[in-house]
Amino acid sequence: MPSAREMRLRIKSVKNISQVTRALEAVSAAKVRKSVQAVAATRPYAIKAWQVLTHVAAQPGRQSLHPLLTERPNPKSALAIVITSDRGLAGAYNTNIVRFIAQHFDSHRTPVKYIAVGRKGRDLLVRRRKELLADFSNLPAAPSFADVSAIGRMAVAEFEAGTTDEVYLVYTNFVNMARQVATMKQLLPLELAGGKQVMELQKGSAVAAYEYEPDLRELLDEIIPRFTALQVYQAILESQASEHAARMVSMHSATDNAKELASAYELQYNKMRQQTITNDILDIVGGAEALAAA
């Protein structure tokens, strides 16, 4: 059984940990508000850009419109952009992404290369001996489009060079503070998911009609790489909001657990003190009786 001094040290240690986790929870709460605001500010534009891309992809003869829209028969390689965090203490946020990757790509029809966005994802991919093409770690807390556009450009360059035939984007979609969902989206060649996606794009309005000036091919040369990079940027913002929300929930749970553990230790310590006092009283009474009997 631990001594009273050891119990006091345990109680002090657990209370110190609870103060740290409470501070981390407060920091994450402030960060998640900013991240959610950034997601809300950019999401409408990203959705509209995706609608334009899917509209182009649904056009007859899409194979001849642009090389980035052309599906390649018998693909031989794939590229996955995996977005995780640079830091831990976010619950199962990072491991959920890696588990999601394993479910979808371990048995993929072609070999898969990876672009890791975030140090945790990079480390987990290296540990699993995956082929890592590039690593983008230590992004700013509030990244701009210029900070992440190189990721989209690299994916487009790999596809245009023919070294990869499919490009996927894997990230965590922010739904609300309690729910974040691992999501996969095919970036190149652009995949029209079928009736469900078309219905979502057309919900509440007639089918959108776009006119392209000055020339469709010239315009596509500019907008497809940019809109592809925009989807990566939006996915990073969604992932950052999900990361901060997951860390806030995780730190809240850790604080509650530390408080419960400290209460259990204090109860055990008080019982120990009470037992010690009782034993001392019994010793005194026994000694007094022995003296009286003598």
C-alpha atoms as a PDB file:
ATOM      1  CA  MET A   1       0.000   0.000   0.000  1.00  0.00           C
ATOM      2  CA  PRO A   2       1.421   3.455  -0.867  1.00  0.00           C
ATOM      3  CA  SER A   3       2.384   5.742   1.969  1.00  0.00           C
ATOM      4  CA  ALA A   4       0.575   8.965   2.849  1.00  0.00           C
ATOM      5  CA  ARG A   5       3.358  10.999   1.250  1.00  0.00           C
ATOM      6  CA  GLU A   6       3.069   9.044  -2.002  1.00  0.00           C
ATOM      7  CA  MET A   7      -0.708   9.575  -2.007  1.00  0.00           C
ATOM      8  CA  ARG A   8      -0.260  13.338  -1.547  1.00  0.00           C
ATOM      9  CA  LEU A   9       2.178  13.410  -4.469  1.00  0.00           C
ATOM     10  CA  ARG A  10      -0.249  11.468  -6.659  1.00  0.00           C
ATOM     11  CA  ILE A  11      -3.108  13.833  -5.822  1.00  0.00           C
ATOM     12  CA  LYS A  12      -0.927  16.871  -6.577  1.00  0.00           C
ATOM     13  CA  SER A  13       0.258  15.347  -9.863  1.00  0.00           C
ATOM     14  CA  VAL A  14      -3.270  14.524 -11.057  1.00  0.00           C
ATOM     15  CA  LYS A  15      -4.524  18.007 -10.164  1.00  0.00           C
ATOM     16  CA  ASN A  16      -1.634  19.571 -12.102  1.00  0.00           C
ATOM     17  CA  ILE A  17      -2.528  17.443 -15.126  1.00  0.00           C
ATOM     18  CA  SER A  18      -6.166  18.540 -14.872  1.00  0.00           C
ATOM     19  CA  GLN A  19      -5.053  22.191 -14.932  1.00  0.00           C
ATOM     20  CA  VAL A  20      -3.019  21.555 -18.088  1.00  0.00           C
ATOM     21  CA  THR A  21      -5.870  19.744 -19.863  1.00  0.00           C
ATOM     22  CA  ARG A  22      -8.312  22.492 -18.834  1.00  0.00           C
ATOM     23  CA  ALA A  23      -5.982  25.101 -20.358  1.00  0.00           C
ATOM     24  CA  LEU A  24      -5.626  23.057 -23.565  1.00  0.00           C
ATOM     25  CA  GLU A  25      -9.409  22.749 -23.745  1.00  0.00           C
ATOM     26  CA  ALA A  26      -9.771  26.538 -23.486  1.00  0.00           C
ATOM     27  CA  VAL A  27      -7.128  27.095 -26.185  1.00  0.00           C
ATOM     28  CA  SER A  28      -8.807  24.575 -28.502  1.00  0.00           C
ATOM     29  CA  ALA A  29     -12.190  26.205 -27.912  1.00  0.00           C
ATOM     30  CA  ALA A  30     -10.795  29.547 -29.068  1.00  0.00           C
ATOM     31  CA  LYS A  31      -9.092  27.979 -32.080  1.00  0.00           C
ATOM     32  CA  VAL A  32     -12.110  25.983 -33.152  1.00  0.00           C
ATOM     33  CA  ARG A  33     -14.252  29.128 -33.261  1.00  0.00           C
ATOM     34  CA  LYS A  34     -11.779  30.773 -35.627  1.00  0.00           C
ATOM     35  CA  SER A  35     -11.495  27.607 -37.727  1.00  0.00           C
ATOM     36  CA  VAL A  36     -15.266  27.239 -38.033  1.00  0.00           C
ATOM     37  CA  GLN A  37     -15.517  30.870 -39.140  1.00  0.00           C
ATOM     38  CA  ALA A  38     -12.870  30.246 -41.810  1.00  0.00           C
ATOM     39  CA  VAL A  39     -14.706  27.124 -43.009  1.00  0.00           C
ATOM     40  CA  ALA A  40     -18.016  28.974 -43.140  1.00  0.00           C
ATOM     41  CA  ALA A  41     -16.427  31.836 -45.085  1.00  0.00           C
ATOM     42  CA  THR A  42     -14.842  29.654 -47.775  1.00  0.00           C
ATOM     43  CA  ARG A  43     -17.301  26.750 -48.005  1.00  0.00           C
ATOM     44  CA  PRO A  44     -19.878  28.496 -50.305  1.00  0.00           C
ATOM     45  CA  TYR A  45     -17.174  29.391 -52.843  1.00  0.00           C
ATOM     46  CA  ALA A  46     -15.655  25.901 -52.680  1.00  0.00           C
ATOM     47  CA  ILE A  47     -19.087  24.314 -53.192  1.00  0.00           C
ATOM     48  CA  LYS A  48     -19.829  26.555 -56.180  1.00  0.00           C
ATOM     49  CA  ALA A  49     -16.408  25.798 -57.662  1.00  0.00           C
ATOM     50  CA  TRP A  50     -17.107  22.081 -57.266  1.00  0.00           C
ATOM     51  CA  GLN A  51     -20.470  22.562 -58.991  1.00  0.00           C
ATOM     52  CA  VAL A  52     -18.739  24.229 -61.944  1.00  0.00           C
ATOM     53  CA  LEU A  53     -16.239  21.373 -62.156  1.00  0.00           C
ATOM     54  CA  THR A  54     -18.923  18.701 -61.989  1.00  0.00           C
ATOM     55  CA  HIS A  55     -20.932  20.576 -64.608  1.00  0.00           C
ATOM     56  CA  VAL A  56     -17.917  20.481 -66.914  1.00  0.00           C
ATOM     57  CA  ALA A  57     -17.350  16.814 -66.140  1.00  0.00           C
ATOM     58  CA  ALA A  58     -20.951  16.008 -67.034  1.00  0.00           C
ATOM     59  CA  GLN A  59     -20.651  17.565 -70.500  1.00  0.00           C
ATOM     60  CA  PRO A  60     -20.757  15.243 -73.526  1.00  0.00           C
ATOM     61  CA  GLY A  61     -17.300  14.510 -74.822  1.00  0.00           C
ATOM     62  CA  ARG A  62     -15.586  15.381 -71.550  1.00  0.00           C
ATOM     63  CA  GLN A  63     -12.667  13.163 -72.559  1.00  0.00           C
ATOM     64  CA  SER A  64     -11.676  15.666 -75.229  1.00  0.00           C
ATOM     65  CA  LEU A  65     -12.317  18.819 -73.190  1.00  0.00           C
ATOM     66  CA  HIS A  66      -9.177  18.698 -71.090  1.00  0.00           C
ATOM     67  CA  PRO A  67      -6.487  16.143 -70.115  1.00  0.00           C
ATOM     68  CA  LEU A  68      -7.333  16.538 -66.422  1.00  0.00           C
ATOM     69  CA  LEU A  69     -10.875  15.332 -67.111  1.00  0.00           C
ATOM     70  CA  THR A  70      -9.792  12.311 -69.129  1.00  0.00           C
ATOM     71  CA  GLU A  71     -10.234   8.928 -67.511  1.00  0.00           C
ATOM     72  CA  ARG A  72      -7.359   6.621 -68.273  1.00  0.00           C
ATOM     73  CA  PRO A  73      -8.096   3.001 -69.097  1.00  0.00           C
ATOM     74  CA  ASN A  74      -6.294   0.450 -66.953  1.00  0.00           C
ATOM     75  CA  PRO A  75      -4.846   2.882 -64.365  1.00  0.00           C
ATOM     76  CA  LYS A  76      -1.478   1.773 -63.047  1.00  0.00           C
ATOM     77  CA  SER A  77      -0.916   4.086 -60.089  1.00  0.00           C
ATOM     78  CA  ALA A  78      -2.818   6.341 -57.686  1.00  0.00           C
ATOM     79  CA  LEU A  79      -1.970   9.288 -55.469  1.00  0.00           C
ATOM     80  CA  ALA A  80      -3.679  10.117 -52.167  1.00  0.00           C
ATOM     81  CA  ILE A  81      -3.401  13.487 -50.423  1.00  0.00           C
ATOM     82  CA  VAL A  82      -3.808  12.701 -46.723  1.00  0.00           C
ATOM     83  CA  ILE A  83      -4.573  15.556 -44.318  1.00  0.00           C
ATOM     84  CA  THR A  84      -3.843  15.078 -40.615  1.00  0.00           C
ATOM     85  CA  SER A  85      -2.501  17.293 -37.812  1.00  0.00           C
ATOM     86  CA  ASP A  86       0.992  18.266 -36.696  1.00  0.00           C
ATOM     87  CA  ARG A  87       0.215  17.673 -33.015  1.00  0.00           C
ATOM     88  CA  GLY A  88      -1.446  14.962 -30.974  1.00  0.00           C
ATOM     89  CA  LEU A  89      -3.788  15.087 -27.969  1.00  0.00           C
ATOM     90  CA  ALA A  90      -6.748  15.103 -30.355  1.00  0.00           C
ATOM     91  CA  GLY A  91      -8.311  11.792 -29.419  1.00  0.00           C
ATOM     92  CA  ALA A  92      -8.751   9.414 -32.333  1.00  0.00           C
ATOM     93  CA  TYR A  93      -8.634  12.176 -34.960  1.00  0.00           C
ATOM     94  CA  ASN A  94      -5.381  11.078 -36.627  1.00  0.00           C
ATOM     95  CA  THR A  95      -5.779   7.325 -36.163  1.00  0.00           C
ATOM     96  CA  ASN A  96      -9.269   7.470 -37.706  1.00  0.00           C
ATOM     97  CA  ILE A  97      -7.803   8.965 -40.884  1.00  0.00           C
ATOM     98  CA  VAL A  98      -5.065   6.319 -41.099  1.00  0.00           C
ATOM     99  CA  ARG A  99      -7.597   3.552 -40.431  1.00  0.00           C
ATOM    100  CA  PHE A 100      -9.810   5.043 -43.163  1.00  0.00           C
ATOM    101  CA  ILE A 101      -6.834   5.000 -45.558  1.00  0.00           C
ATOM    102  CA  ALA A 102      -6.082   1.374 -44.731  1.00  0.00           C
ATOM    103  CA  GLN A 103      -9.677   0.366 -45.452  1.00  0.00           C
ATOM    104  CA  HIS A 104      -9.732   2.053 -48.859  1.00  0.00           C
ATOM    105  CA  PHE A 105      -6.175   1.774 -50.160  1.00  0.00           C
ATOM    106  CA  ASP A 106      -4.565  -1.357 -48.679  1.00  0.00           C
ATOM    107  CA  SER A 107      -6.466  -3.439 -51.217  1.00  0.00           C
ATOM    108  CA  HIS A 108      -6.589  -0.814 -53.956  1.00  0.00           C
ATOM    109  CA  ARG A 109      -6.392  -2.027 -57.537  1.00  0.00           C
ATOM    110  CA  THR A 110      -3.177  -0.072 -58.150  1.00  0.00           C
ATOM    111  CA  PRO A 111      -0.126   0.915 -56.069  1.00  0.00           C
ATOM    112  CA  VAL A 112      -0.763   4.099 -54.084  1.00  0.00           C
ATOM    113  CA  LYS A 113       1.636   6.953 -53.334  1.00  0.00           C
ATOM    114  CA  TYR A 114       0.911   9.510 -50.648  1.00  0.00           C
ATOM    115  CA  ILE A 115       1.283  13.231 -50.063  1.00  0.00           C
ATOM    116  CA  ALA A 116       1.171  13.781 -46.304  1.00  0.00           C
ATOM    117  CA  VAL A 117      -0.200  17.072 -44.993  1.00  0.00           C
ATOM    118  CA  GLY A 118       0.586  17.063 -41.283  1.00  0.00           C
ATOM    119  CA  ARG A 119       3.370  15.496 -39.235  1.00  0.00           C
ATOM    120  CA  LYS A 120       1.194  12.880 -37.502  1.00  0.00           C
ATOM    121  CA  GLY A 121      -0.066  11.455 -40.780  1.00  0.00           C
ATOM    122  CA  ARG A 122       3.466  11.430 -42.181  1.00  0.00           C
ATOM    123  CA  ASP A 123       4.779   9.483 -39.186  1.00  0.00           C
ATOM    124  CA  LEU A 124       1.933   6.968 -39.298  1.00  0.00           C
ATOM    125  CA  LEU A 125       2.363   6.416 -43.045  1.00  0.00           C
ATOM    126  CA  VAL A 126       6.112   5.921 -42.680  1.00  0.00           C
ATOM    127  CA  ARG A 127       5.505   3.494 -39.826  1.00  0.00           C
ATOM    128  CA  ARG A 128       3.197   1.502 -42.087  1.00  0.00           C
ATOM    129  CA  ARG A 129       5.873   1.562 -44.818  1.00  0.00           C
ATOM    130  CA  LYS A 130       3.792   3.474 -47.339  1.00  0.00           C
ATOM    131  CA  GLU A 131       5.425   5.239 -50.291  1.00  0.00           C
ATOM    132  CA  LEU A 132       5.612   8.918 -49.369  1.00  0.00           C
ATOM    133  CA  LEU A 133       5.908  11.329 -52.290  1.00  0.00           C
ATOM    134  CA  ALA A 134       5.987  14.598 -50.323  1.00  0.00           C
ATOM    135  CA  ASP A 135       5.456  15.995 -46.855  1.00  0.00           C
ATOM    136  CA  PHE A 136       3.783  19.306 -46.016  1.00  0.00           C
ATOM    137  CA  SER A 137       4.098  19.810 -42.262  1.00  0.00           C
ATOM    138  CA  ASN A 138       4.017  22.828 -39.941  1.00  0.00           C
ATOM    139  CA  LEU A 139       1.436  24.775 -41.915  1.00  0.00           C
ATOM    140  CA  PRO A 140       0.369  28.108 -40.392  1.00  0.00           C
ATOM    141  CA  ALA A 141      -2.415  28.060 -37.815  1.00  0.00           C
ATOM    142  CA  ALA A 142      -4.563  30.024 -40.267  1.00  0.00           C
ATOM    143  CA  PRO A 143      -3.227  29.011 -43.702  1.00  0.00           C
ATOM    144  CA  SER A 144      -3.924  31.106 -46.765  1.00  0.00           C
ATOM    145  CA  PHE A 145      -4.570  29.727 -50.228  1.00  0.00           C
ATOM    146  CA  ALA A 146      -0.989  30.618 -51.190  1.00  0.00           C
ATOM    147  CA  ASP A 147       0.330  28.486 -48.306  1.00  0.00           C
ATOM    148  CA  VAL A 148      -1.290  25.294 -49.609  1.00  0.00           C
ATOM    149  CA  SER A 149      -1.587  25.859 -53.371  1.00  0.00           C
ATOM    150  CA  ALA A 150       1.687  23.965 -53.914  1.00  0.00           C
ATOM    151  CA  ILE A 151      -0.059  20.763 -52.812  1.00  0.00           C
ATOM    152  CA  GLY A 152      -2.659  21.032 -55.552  1.00  0.00           C
ATOM    153  CA  ARG A 153      -0.037  22.007 -58.125  1.00  0.00           C
ATOM    154  CA  MET A 154       2.023  18.940 -57.256  1.00  0.00           C
ATOM    155  CA  ALA A 155      -0.982  16.651 -57.652  1.00  0.00           C
ATOM    156  CA  VAL A 156      -1.841  18.216 -61.024  1.00  0.00           C
ATOM    157  CA  ALA A 157       1.782  17.932 -62.159  1.00  0.00           C
ATOM    158  CA  GLU A 158       1.932  14.247 -61.208  1.00  0.00           C
ATOM    159  CA  PHE A 159      -1.278  13.566 -63.128  1.00  0.00           C
ATOM    160  CA  GLU A 160      -0.181  15.527 -66.216  1.00  0.00           C
ATOM    161  CA  ALA A 161       3.209  13.821 -66.226  1.00  0.00           C
ATOM    162  CA  GLY A 162       1.517  10.429 -66.303  1.00  0.00           C
ATOM    163  CA  THR A 163       3.191   9.171 -63.118  1.00  0.00           C
ATOM    164  CA  THR A 164      -0.220   8.798 -61.486  1.00  0.00           C
ATOM    165  CA  ASP A 165      -3.573   8.018 -63.060  1.00  0.00           C
ATOM    166  CA  GLU A 166      -5.874   8.864 -60.143  1.00  0.00           C
ATOM    167  CA  VAL A 167      -5.688  11.516 -57.410  1.00  0.00           C
ATOM    168  CA  TYR A 168      -7.694  11.215 -54.204  1.00  0.00           C
ATOM    169  CA  LEU A 169      -8.175  13.650 -51.336  1.00  0.00           C
ATOM    170  CA  VAL A 170      -8.597  12.186 -47.843  1.00  0.00           C
ATOM    171  CA  TYR A 171      -9.537  14.538 -44.997  1.00  0.00           C
ATOM    172  CA  THR A 172     -11.893  14.981 -42.042  1.00  0.00           C
ATOM    173  CA  ASN A 173     -15.103  16.808 -42.839  1.00  0.00           C
ATOM    174  CA  PHE A 174     -16.355  19.104 -40.065  1.00  0.00           C
ATOM    175  CA  VAL A 175     -20.042  18.452 -39.368  1.00  0.00           C
ATOM    176  CA  ASN A 176     -20.408  19.906 -35.875  1.00  0.00           C
ATOM    177  CA  MET A 177     -18.525  20.091 -32.595  1.00  0.00           C
ATOM    178  CA  ALA A 178     -19.356  16.500 -31.710  1.00  0.00           C
ATOM    179  CA  ARG A 179     -19.101  14.893 -35.154  1.00  0.00           C
ATOM    180  CA  GLN A 180     -16.262  14.868 -37.671  1.00  0.00           C
ATOM    181  CA  VAL A 181     -16.329  12.396 -40.558  1.00  0.00           C
ATOM    182  CA  ALA A 182     -13.384  10.933 -42.469  1.00  0.00           C
ATOM    183  CA  THR A 183     -14.055  11.665 -46.144  1.00  0.00           C
ATOM    184  CA  MET A 184     -12.522  10.713 -49.490  1.00  0.00           C
ATOM    185  CA  LYS A 185     -12.962  12.651 -52.724  1.00  0.00           C
ATOM    186  CA  GLN A 186     -11.547  11.853 -56.157  1.00  0.00           C
ATOM    187  CA  LEU A 187      -9.893  14.977 -57.511  1.00  0.00           C
ATOM    188  CA  LEU A 188      -8.428  13.797 -60.808  1.00  0.00           C
ATOM    189  CA  PRO A 189      -9.845  12.785 -63.154  1.00  0.00           C
ATOM    190  CA  LEU A 190     -12.939  14.474 -61.815  1.00  0.00           C
ATOM    191  CA  GLU A 191     -15.485  11.880 -60.796  1.00  0.00           C
ATOM    192  CA  LEU A 192     -19.193  12.558 -61.096  1.00  0.00           C
ATOM    193  CA  ALA A 193     -20.627  10.440 -58.315  1.00  0.00           C
ATOM    194  CA  GLY A 194     -23.870   9.775 -60.102  1.00  0.00           C
ATOM    195  CA  GLY A 195     -27.482  10.546 -59.424  1.00  0.00           C
ATOM    196  CA  LYS A 196     -27.124  11.414 -55.755  1.00  0.00           C
ATOM    197  CA  GLN A 197     -24.501  14.090 -56.353  1.00  0.00           C
ATOM    198  CA  VAL A 198     -26.395  15.522 -59.305  1.00  0.00           C
ATOM    199  CA  MET A 199     -29.545  15.746 -57.165  1.00  0.00           C
ATOM    200  CA  GLU A 200     -27.615  17.525 -54.405  1.00  0.00           C
ATOM    201  CA  LEU A 201     -26.200  20.026 -56.874  1.00  0.00           C
ATOM    202  CA  GLN A 202     -29.599  20.669 -58.392  1.00  0.00           C
ATOM    203  CA  LYS A 203     -31.546  20.743 -55.116  1.00  0.00           C
ATOM    204  CA  GLY A 204     -33.842  23.724 -54.899  1.00  0.00           C
ATOM    205  CA  SER A 205     -33.021  25.093 -58.336  1.00  0.00           C
ATOM    206  CA  ALA A 206     -33.042  24.291 -61.994  1.00  0.00           C
ATOM    207  CA  VAL A 207     -30.018  22.768 -63.672  1.00  0.00           C
ATOM    208  CA  ALA A 208     -27.276  25.389 -63.819  1.00  0.00           C
ATOM    209  CA  ALA A 209     -26.204  26.605 -67.243  1.00  0.00           C
ATOM    210  CA  TYR A 210     -22.728  28.088 -67.722  1.00  0.00           C
ATOM    211  CA  GLU A 211     -21.295  30.051 -70.606  1.00  0.00           C
ATOM    212  CA  TYR A 212     -17.523  29.991 -71.012  1.00  0.00           C
ATOM    213  CA  GLU A 213     -15.531  32.948 -72.345  1.00  0.00           C
ATOM    214  CA  PRO A 214     -13.255  33.451 -74.167  1.00  0.00           C
ATOM    215  CA  ASP A 215     -12.739  29.777 -74.985  1.00  0.00           C
ATOM    216  CA  LEU A 216     -13.678  26.655 -73.063  1.00  0.00           C
ATOM    217  CA  ARG A 217     -10.304  24.919 -73.462  1.00  0.00           C
ATOM    218  CA  GLU A 218      -8.357  28.060 -72.565  1.00  0.00           C
ATOM    219  CA  LEU A 219     -10.559  28.618 -69.546  1.00  0.00           C
ATOM    220  CA  LEU A 220     -10.259  25.022 -68.387  1.00  0.00           C
ATOM    221  CA  ASP A 221      -6.464  25.255 -68.539  1.00  0.00           C
ATOM    222  CA  GLU A 222      -6.742  27.944 -65.879  1.00  0.00           C
ATOM    223  CA  ILE A 223      -9.671  26.964 -63.686  1.00  0.00           C
ATOM    224  CA  ILE A 224      -9.214  23.203 -63.303  1.00  0.00           C
ATOM    225  CA  PRO A 225      -5.784  23.412 -61.605  1.00  0.00           C
ATOM    226  CA  ARG A 226      -6.961  26.358 -59.500  1.00  0.00           C
ATOM    227  CA  PHE A 227     -10.214  24.713 -58.477  1.00  0.00           C
ATOM    228  CA  THR A 228      -8.355  21.495 -57.701  1.00  0.00           C
ATOM    229  CA  ALA A 229      -6.045  23.437 -55.378  1.00  0.00           C
ATOM    230  CA  LEU A 230      -9.106  25.140 -53.902  1.00  0.00           C
ATOM    231  CA  GLN A 231     -10.610  21.767 -52.976  1.00  0.00           C
ATOM    232  CA  VAL A 232      -7.362  20.905 -51.173  1.00  0.00           C
ATOM    233  CA  TYR A 233      -7.436  24.266 -49.370  1.00  0.00           C
ATOM    234  CA  GLN A 234     -11.031  23.769 -48.267  1.00  0.00           C
ATOM    235  CA  ALA A 235     -10.239  20.230 -47.087  1.00  0.00           C
ATOM    236  CA  ILE A 236      -7.368  21.591 -44.959  1.00  0.00           C
ATOM    237  CA  LEU A 237      -9.685  24.154 -43.356  1.00  0.00           C
ATOM    238  CA  GLU A 238     -12.284  21.460 -42.673  1.00  0.00           C
ATOM    239  CA  SER A 239      -9.593  19.216 -41.165  1.00  0.00           C
ATOM    240  CA  GLN A 240      -8.249  21.986 -38.943  1.00  0.00           C
ATOM    241  CA  ALA A 241     -11.720  22.723 -37.579  1.00  0.00           C
ATOM    242  CA  SER A 242     -12.227  18.996 -36.982  1.00  0.00           C
ATOM    243  CA  GLU A 243      -8.840  18.722 -35.262  1.00  0.00           C
ATOM    244  CA  HIS A 244      -9.538  21.558 -32.815  1.00  0.00           C
ATOM    245  CA  ALA A 245     -13.023  20.237 -32.086  1.00  0.00           C
ATOM    246  CA  ALA A 246     -11.665  16.734 -31.450  1.00  0.00           C
ATOM    247  CA  ARG A 247      -8.902  18.113 -29.205  1.00  0.00           C
ATOM    248  CA  MET A 248     -11.366  20.225 -27.234  1.00  0.00           C
ATOM    249  CA  VAL A 249     -13.620  17.208 -26.611  1.00  0.00           C
ATOM    250  CA  SER A 250     -10.623  15.032 -25.764  1.00  0.00           C
ATOM    251  CA  MET A 251      -9.209  17.550 -23.291  1.00  0.00           C
ATOM    252  CA  HIS A 252     -12.641  18.012 -21.701  1.00  0.00           C
ATOM    253  CA  SER A 253     -12.863  14.260 -21.139  1.00  0.00           C
ATOM    254  CA  ALA A 254      -9.291  14.193 -19.802  1.00  0.00           C
ATOM    255  CA  THR A 255     -10.099  16.986 -17.339  1.00  0.00           C
ATOM    256  CA  ASP A 256     -13.197  15.147 -16.085  1.00  0.00           C
ATOM    257  CA  ASN A 257     -11.229  11.909 -15.720  1.00  0.00           C
ATOM    258  CA  ALA A 258      -8.454  13.694 -13.817  1.00  0.00           C
ATOM    259  CA  LYS A 259     -10.987  15.184 -11.420  1.00  0.00           C
ATOM    260  CA  GLU A 260     -12.548  11.775 -10.791  1.00  0.00           C
ATOM    261  CA  LEU A 261      -9.129  10.206 -10.246  1.00  0.00           C
ATOM    262  CA  ALA A 262      -8.106  12.991  -7.840  1.00  0.00           C
ATOM    263  CA  SER A 263     -11.347  12.497  -5.890  1.00  0.00           C
ATOM    264  CA  ALA A 264     -10.695   8.745  -5.678  1.00  0.00           C
ATOM    265  CA  TYR A 265      -7.132   9.335  -4.459  1.00  0.00           C
ATOM    266  CA  GLU A 266      -8.337  11.876  -1.864  1.00  0.00           C
ATOM    267  CA  LEU A 267     -10.901   9.383  -0.563  1.00  0.00           C
ATOM    268  CA  GLN A 268      -8.226   6.710  -0.308  1.00  0.00           C
ATOM    269  CA  TYR A 269      -5.861   9.175   1.397  1.00  0.00           C
ATOM    270  CA  ASN A 270      -8.511  10.201   3.932  1.00  0.00           C
ATOM    271  CA  LYS A 271      -9.259   6.574   4.719  1.00  0.00           C
ATOM    272  CA  MET A 272      -5.568   5.985   5.219  1.00  0.00           C
ATOM    273  CA  ARG A 273      -5.284   8.985   7.577  1.00  0.00           C
ATOM    274  CA  GLN A 274      -8.357   7.877   9.482  1.00  0.00           C
ATOM    275  CA  GLN A 275      -6.909   4.392   9.873  1.00  0.00           C
ATOM    276  CA  THR A 276      -3.586   5.847  11.057  1.00  0.00           C
ATOM    277  CA  ILE A 277      -5.325   8.063  13.635  1.00  0.00           C
ATOM    278  CA  THR A 278      -7.418   5.134  14.851  1.00  0.00           C
ATOM    279  CA  ASN A 279      -4.311   2.987  15.268  1.00  0.00           C
ATOM    280  CA  ASP A 280      -2.564   5.776  17.197  1.00  0.00           C
ATOM    281  CA  ILE A 281      -5.560   6.143  19.540  1.00  0.00           C
ATOM    282  CA  LEU A 282      -5.655   2.378  20.118  1.00  0.00           C
ATOM    283  CA  ASP A 283      -1.932   2.426  20.922  1.00  0.00           C
ATOM    284  CA  ILE A 284      -2.425   5.274  23.423  1.00  0.00           C
ATOM    285  CA  VAL A 285      -5.404   3.564  25.068  1.00  0.00           C
ATOM    286  CA  GLY A 286      -3.529   0.273  25.229  1.00  0.00           C
ATOM    287  CA  GLY A 287      -0.519   1.951  26.807  1.00  0.00           C
ATOM    288  CA  ALA A 288      -2.674   3.765  29.326  1.00  0.00           C
ATOM    289  CA  GLU A 289      -4.411   0.527  30.320  1.00  0.00           C
ATOM    290  CA  ALA A 290      -1.037  -1.208  30.670  1.00  0.00           C
ATOM    291  CA  LEU A 291       0.208   1.561  32.960  1.00  0.00           C
ATOM    292  CA  ALA A 292      -2.989   1.422  35.047  1.00  0.00           C
ATOM    293  CA  ALA A 293      -2.708  -2.332  35.389  1.00  0.00           C
ATOM    294  CA  ALA A 294       0.910  -2.000  36.510  1.00  0.00           C
END
